[in-house]
N, C-alpha and C. Protein backbone atom coordinates (compact mmCIF):
# COMPACT_ATOMS: atom_id res chain seq x y z
N MET A 1 68.18 60.99 -19.49
CA MET A 1 68.14 61.12 -20.93
C MET A 1 69.56 61.18 -21.45
N GLN A 2 69.72 60.77 -22.69
CA GLN A 2 71.01 60.88 -23.35
C GLN A 2 70.79 61.37 -24.77
N VAL A 3 71.87 61.85 -25.37
CA VAL A 3 71.84 62.38 -26.72
C VAL A 3 72.80 61.57 -27.57
N ASP A 4 72.33 61.09 -28.73
CA ASP A 4 73.21 60.31 -29.60
C ASP A 4 74.07 61.24 -30.46
N GLY A 5 74.91 60.68 -31.31
CA GLY A 5 75.82 61.44 -32.13
C GLY A 5 75.14 62.38 -33.12
N GLN A 6 73.88 62.12 -33.42
CA GLN A 6 73.13 62.98 -34.35
C GLN A 6 72.28 64.01 -33.60
N GLY A 7 72.38 64.02 -32.26
CA GLY A 7 71.65 64.99 -31.46
C GLY A 7 70.24 64.58 -31.06
N HIS A 8 69.88 63.31 -31.28
CA HIS A 8 68.55 62.83 -30.90
C HIS A 8 68.53 62.42 -29.42
N ILE A 9 67.46 62.78 -28.75
CA ILE A 9 67.30 62.48 -27.33
C ILE A 9 66.55 61.16 -27.18
N SER A 10 66.98 60.35 -26.21
CA SER A 10 66.25 59.15 -25.82
C SER A 10 66.50 58.92 -24.34
N GLY A 11 65.71 58.05 -23.75
CA GLY A 11 65.93 57.76 -22.34
C GLY A 11 64.78 57.01 -21.73
N THR A 12 64.78 57.00 -20.42
CA THR A 12 63.72 56.33 -19.66
C THR A 12 63.13 57.31 -18.66
N TYR A 13 61.96 56.98 -18.19
CA TYR A 13 61.32 57.75 -17.13
C TYR A 13 60.65 56.79 -16.17
N ARG A 14 60.33 57.29 -15.01
CA ARG A 14 59.64 56.48 -14.01
C ARG A 14 58.69 57.38 -13.24
N PHE A 15 57.60 56.78 -12.78
CA PHE A 15 56.65 57.55 -11.98
C PHE A 15 55.97 56.65 -10.96
N ASP A 16 55.53 57.27 -9.88
CA ASP A 16 54.80 56.56 -8.83
C ASP A 16 53.42 56.23 -9.37
N ASP A 17 53.10 54.97 -9.40
CA ASP A 17 51.86 54.48 -10.00
C ASP A 17 51.06 53.73 -8.94
N ASP A 18 50.42 54.50 -8.07
CA ASP A 18 49.58 53.92 -7.02
C ASP A 18 50.38 52.98 -6.11
N GLY A 19 51.57 53.44 -5.70
CA GLY A 19 52.40 52.68 -4.78
C GLY A 19 53.44 51.80 -5.42
N THR A 20 53.42 51.67 -6.73
CA THR A 20 54.46 50.93 -7.44
C THR A 20 55.12 51.91 -8.42
N THR A 21 56.23 51.49 -8.97
CA THR A 21 56.93 52.33 -9.94
C THR A 21 56.69 51.79 -11.34
N THR A 22 56.25 52.67 -12.23
CA THR A 22 56.10 52.32 -13.64
C THR A 22 57.24 52.99 -14.40
N ILE A 23 57.86 52.22 -15.30
CA ILE A 23 58.99 52.70 -16.09
C ILE A 23 58.58 52.72 -17.55
N GLY A 24 59.02 53.76 -18.25
CA GLY A 24 58.75 53.88 -19.68
C GLY A 24 59.97 54.37 -20.42
N THR A 25 59.84 54.44 -21.74
CA THR A 25 60.94 54.90 -22.58
C THR A 25 60.51 56.12 -23.39
N LEU A 26 61.52 56.90 -23.76
CA LEU A 26 61.33 58.10 -24.57
C LEU A 26 62.27 58.04 -25.76
N SER A 27 61.81 58.50 -26.92
CA SER A 27 62.68 58.64 -28.08
C SER A 27 62.22 59.84 -28.89
N GLU A 28 63.20 60.59 -29.37
CA GLU A 28 62.89 61.82 -30.10
C GLU A 28 62.32 61.50 -31.47
N VAL A 29 61.34 62.31 -31.87
CA VAL A 29 60.72 62.19 -33.18
C VAL A 29 61.23 63.35 -34.03
N GLY A 30 61.83 63.05 -35.17
CA GLY A 30 62.35 64.10 -36.02
C GLY A 30 63.65 64.67 -35.49
N THR A 31 64.00 65.84 -35.98
CA THR A 31 65.22 66.50 -35.55
C THR A 31 64.90 67.93 -35.11
N ALA A 32 65.68 68.45 -34.22
CA ALA A 32 65.53 69.82 -33.74
C ALA A 32 66.90 70.33 -33.33
N SER A 33 67.08 71.62 -33.44
CA SER A 33 68.38 72.18 -33.06
C SER A 33 68.24 73.20 -31.94
N ASP A 34 67.05 73.31 -31.38
CA ASP A 34 66.87 74.27 -30.29
C ASP A 34 66.43 73.53 -29.02
N THR A 35 65.90 74.25 -28.07
CA THR A 35 65.55 73.66 -26.78
C THR A 35 64.16 73.04 -26.75
N THR A 36 63.39 73.14 -27.82
CA THR A 36 62.07 72.50 -27.89
C THR A 36 62.19 71.21 -28.68
N ARG A 37 61.72 70.13 -28.08
CA ARG A 37 61.85 68.80 -28.70
C ARG A 37 60.53 68.05 -28.64
N THR A 38 60.29 67.18 -29.60
CA THR A 38 59.12 66.31 -29.63
C THR A 38 59.60 64.88 -29.46
N LEU A 39 59.03 64.19 -28.48
CA LEU A 39 59.42 62.81 -28.20
C LEU A 39 58.19 61.91 -28.21
N ARG A 40 58.44 60.62 -28.37
CA ARG A 40 57.43 59.60 -28.26
C ARG A 40 57.66 58.88 -26.94
N TRP A 41 56.59 58.70 -26.13
CA TRP A 41 56.72 57.94 -24.89
C TRP A 41 56.04 56.59 -25.07
N PHE A 42 56.52 55.60 -24.29
CA PHE A 42 55.94 54.25 -24.32
C PHE A 42 56.07 53.64 -22.94
N ASP A 43 54.96 53.14 -22.41
CA ASP A 43 54.96 52.39 -21.15
C ASP A 43 53.81 51.40 -21.18
N LYS A 44 53.53 50.77 -20.04
CA LYS A 44 52.52 49.72 -20.00
C LYS A 44 51.11 50.23 -20.34
N TYR A 45 50.93 51.54 -20.33
CA TYR A 45 49.62 52.12 -20.64
C TYR A 45 49.45 52.45 -22.12
N GLY A 46 50.53 52.40 -22.88
CA GLY A 46 50.44 52.70 -24.29
C GLY A 46 51.56 53.59 -24.77
N THR A 47 51.23 54.47 -25.71
CA THR A 47 52.22 55.34 -26.31
C THR A 47 51.58 56.70 -26.62
N GLY A 48 52.40 57.69 -26.82
CA GLY A 48 51.89 59.02 -27.14
C GLY A 48 53.01 59.99 -27.38
N SER A 49 52.66 61.27 -27.45
CA SER A 49 53.62 62.33 -27.74
C SER A 49 53.92 63.17 -26.51
N LEU A 50 55.12 63.70 -26.48
CA LEU A 50 55.58 64.60 -25.44
C LEU A 50 56.33 65.74 -26.12
N ILE A 51 55.90 66.96 -25.88
CA ILE A 51 56.59 68.14 -26.41
C ILE A 51 57.18 68.87 -25.21
N ILE A 52 58.52 69.02 -25.22
CA ILE A 52 59.20 69.63 -24.08
C ILE A 52 60.06 70.81 -24.53
N ARG A 53 60.25 71.73 -23.58
CA ARG A 53 61.16 72.85 -23.80
C ARG A 53 62.15 72.85 -22.64
N PHE A 54 63.44 72.67 -22.98
CA PHE A 54 64.49 72.66 -21.98
C PHE A 54 64.88 74.08 -21.60
N THR A 55 65.40 74.22 -20.37
CA THR A 55 66.06 75.47 -20.00
C THR A 55 67.34 75.57 -20.83
N SER A 56 67.95 76.75 -20.86
CA SER A 56 69.14 76.95 -21.70
C SER A 56 70.31 76.05 -21.31
N ASP A 57 70.37 75.61 -20.03
CA ASP A 57 71.45 74.71 -19.60
C ASP A 57 71.06 73.23 -19.70
N TYR A 58 69.88 72.94 -20.20
CA TYR A 58 69.37 71.58 -20.38
C TYR A 58 69.28 70.78 -19.08
N GLN A 59 69.15 71.45 -17.95
CA GLN A 59 69.04 70.75 -16.67
C GLN A 59 67.59 70.50 -16.26
N ARG A 60 66.65 71.25 -16.83
CA ARG A 60 65.22 71.10 -16.53
C ARG A 60 64.42 71.25 -17.82
N PHE A 61 63.20 70.72 -17.78
CA PHE A 61 62.30 70.93 -18.91
C PHE A 61 60.86 71.04 -18.42
N GLU A 62 60.05 71.67 -19.23
CA GLU A 62 58.61 71.73 -19.03
C GLU A 62 57.97 71.26 -20.32
N GLY A 63 56.86 70.55 -20.20
CA GLY A 63 56.24 70.06 -21.41
C GLY A 63 54.81 69.64 -21.23
N LEU A 64 54.27 69.16 -22.34
CA LEU A 64 52.91 68.63 -22.39
C LEU A 64 52.94 67.28 -23.06
N TRP A 65 52.10 66.35 -22.58
CA TRP A 65 52.02 65.03 -23.17
C TRP A 65 50.57 64.68 -23.46
N GLY A 66 50.40 63.71 -24.34
CA GLY A 66 49.09 63.19 -24.65
C GLY A 66 49.21 61.77 -25.19
N SER A 67 48.11 61.04 -25.13
CA SER A 67 48.08 59.68 -25.67
C SER A 67 48.11 59.72 -27.19
N GLN A 68 48.44 58.58 -27.78
CA GLN A 68 48.51 58.50 -29.24
C GLN A 68 47.19 58.99 -29.85
N GLY A 69 47.31 59.88 -30.83
CA GLY A 69 46.14 60.41 -31.50
C GLY A 69 45.50 61.61 -30.82
N ALA A 70 45.97 61.96 -29.62
CA ALA A 70 45.42 63.11 -28.89
C ALA A 70 46.46 64.22 -28.84
N ALA A 71 46.00 65.45 -28.84
CA ALA A 71 46.91 66.58 -28.71
C ALA A 71 47.51 66.61 -27.31
N PRO A 72 48.82 66.81 -27.17
CA PRO A 72 49.42 66.91 -25.84
C PRO A 72 48.79 68.03 -25.02
N SER A 73 48.29 67.69 -23.83
CA SER A 73 47.62 68.70 -23.00
C SER A 73 47.84 68.49 -21.50
N TYR A 74 48.57 67.45 -21.13
CA TYR A 74 48.84 67.17 -19.72
C TYR A 74 50.28 67.56 -19.38
N THR A 75 50.49 68.16 -18.23
CA THR A 75 51.80 68.66 -17.81
C THR A 75 52.78 67.52 -17.56
N TRP A 76 54.02 67.70 -18.03
CA TRP A 76 55.12 66.77 -17.77
C TRP A 76 56.38 67.62 -17.62
N ASP A 77 56.86 67.75 -16.39
CA ASP A 77 58.05 68.54 -16.09
C ASP A 77 59.10 67.63 -15.50
N GLY A 78 60.36 68.00 -15.63
CA GLY A 78 61.42 67.19 -15.07
C GLY A 78 62.71 67.95 -14.94
N GLY A 79 63.69 67.28 -14.32
CA GLY A 79 64.99 67.89 -14.15
C GLY A 79 66.00 66.89 -13.67
N GLU A 80 67.23 67.35 -13.58
CA GLU A 80 68.35 66.51 -13.13
C GLU A 80 68.09 66.06 -11.70
N CYS A 81 68.21 64.77 -11.48
CA CYS A 81 67.98 64.24 -10.13
C CYS A 81 69.11 63.31 -9.70
N GLY A 82 70.29 63.45 -10.31
CA GLY A 82 71.42 62.60 -9.93
C GLY A 82 71.47 61.34 -10.76
N THR A 83 70.36 60.95 -11.32
CA THR A 83 70.25 59.84 -12.25
C THR A 83 69.53 60.42 -13.48
N PRO A 84 69.10 59.60 -14.42
CA PRO A 84 68.43 60.19 -15.59
C PRO A 84 67.29 61.11 -15.20
N ILE A 85 67.06 62.15 -15.99
CA ILE A 85 65.96 63.07 -15.75
C ILE A 85 64.67 62.27 -15.72
N SER A 86 63.82 62.58 -14.75
CA SER A 86 62.56 61.84 -14.64
C SER A 86 61.39 62.79 -14.59
């Protein structure tokens, strides 16, 4: 993930998808000044929302995601892995 000059988060993610890797993109929705952020995800399966809360050092996050139109309810956690957070 990266942060632009206005403090908005964007980036990419990847996950093991039945033996292949699926890649998607993330972009922040709105603005926030604390460790809780709302992002939009997009990949080959569609789009939806992700609400995450970073640790105070921004090295890890815990969150919930959901498909477009659904309340986020599925776990999505991540952290620094030497490359972008996944």
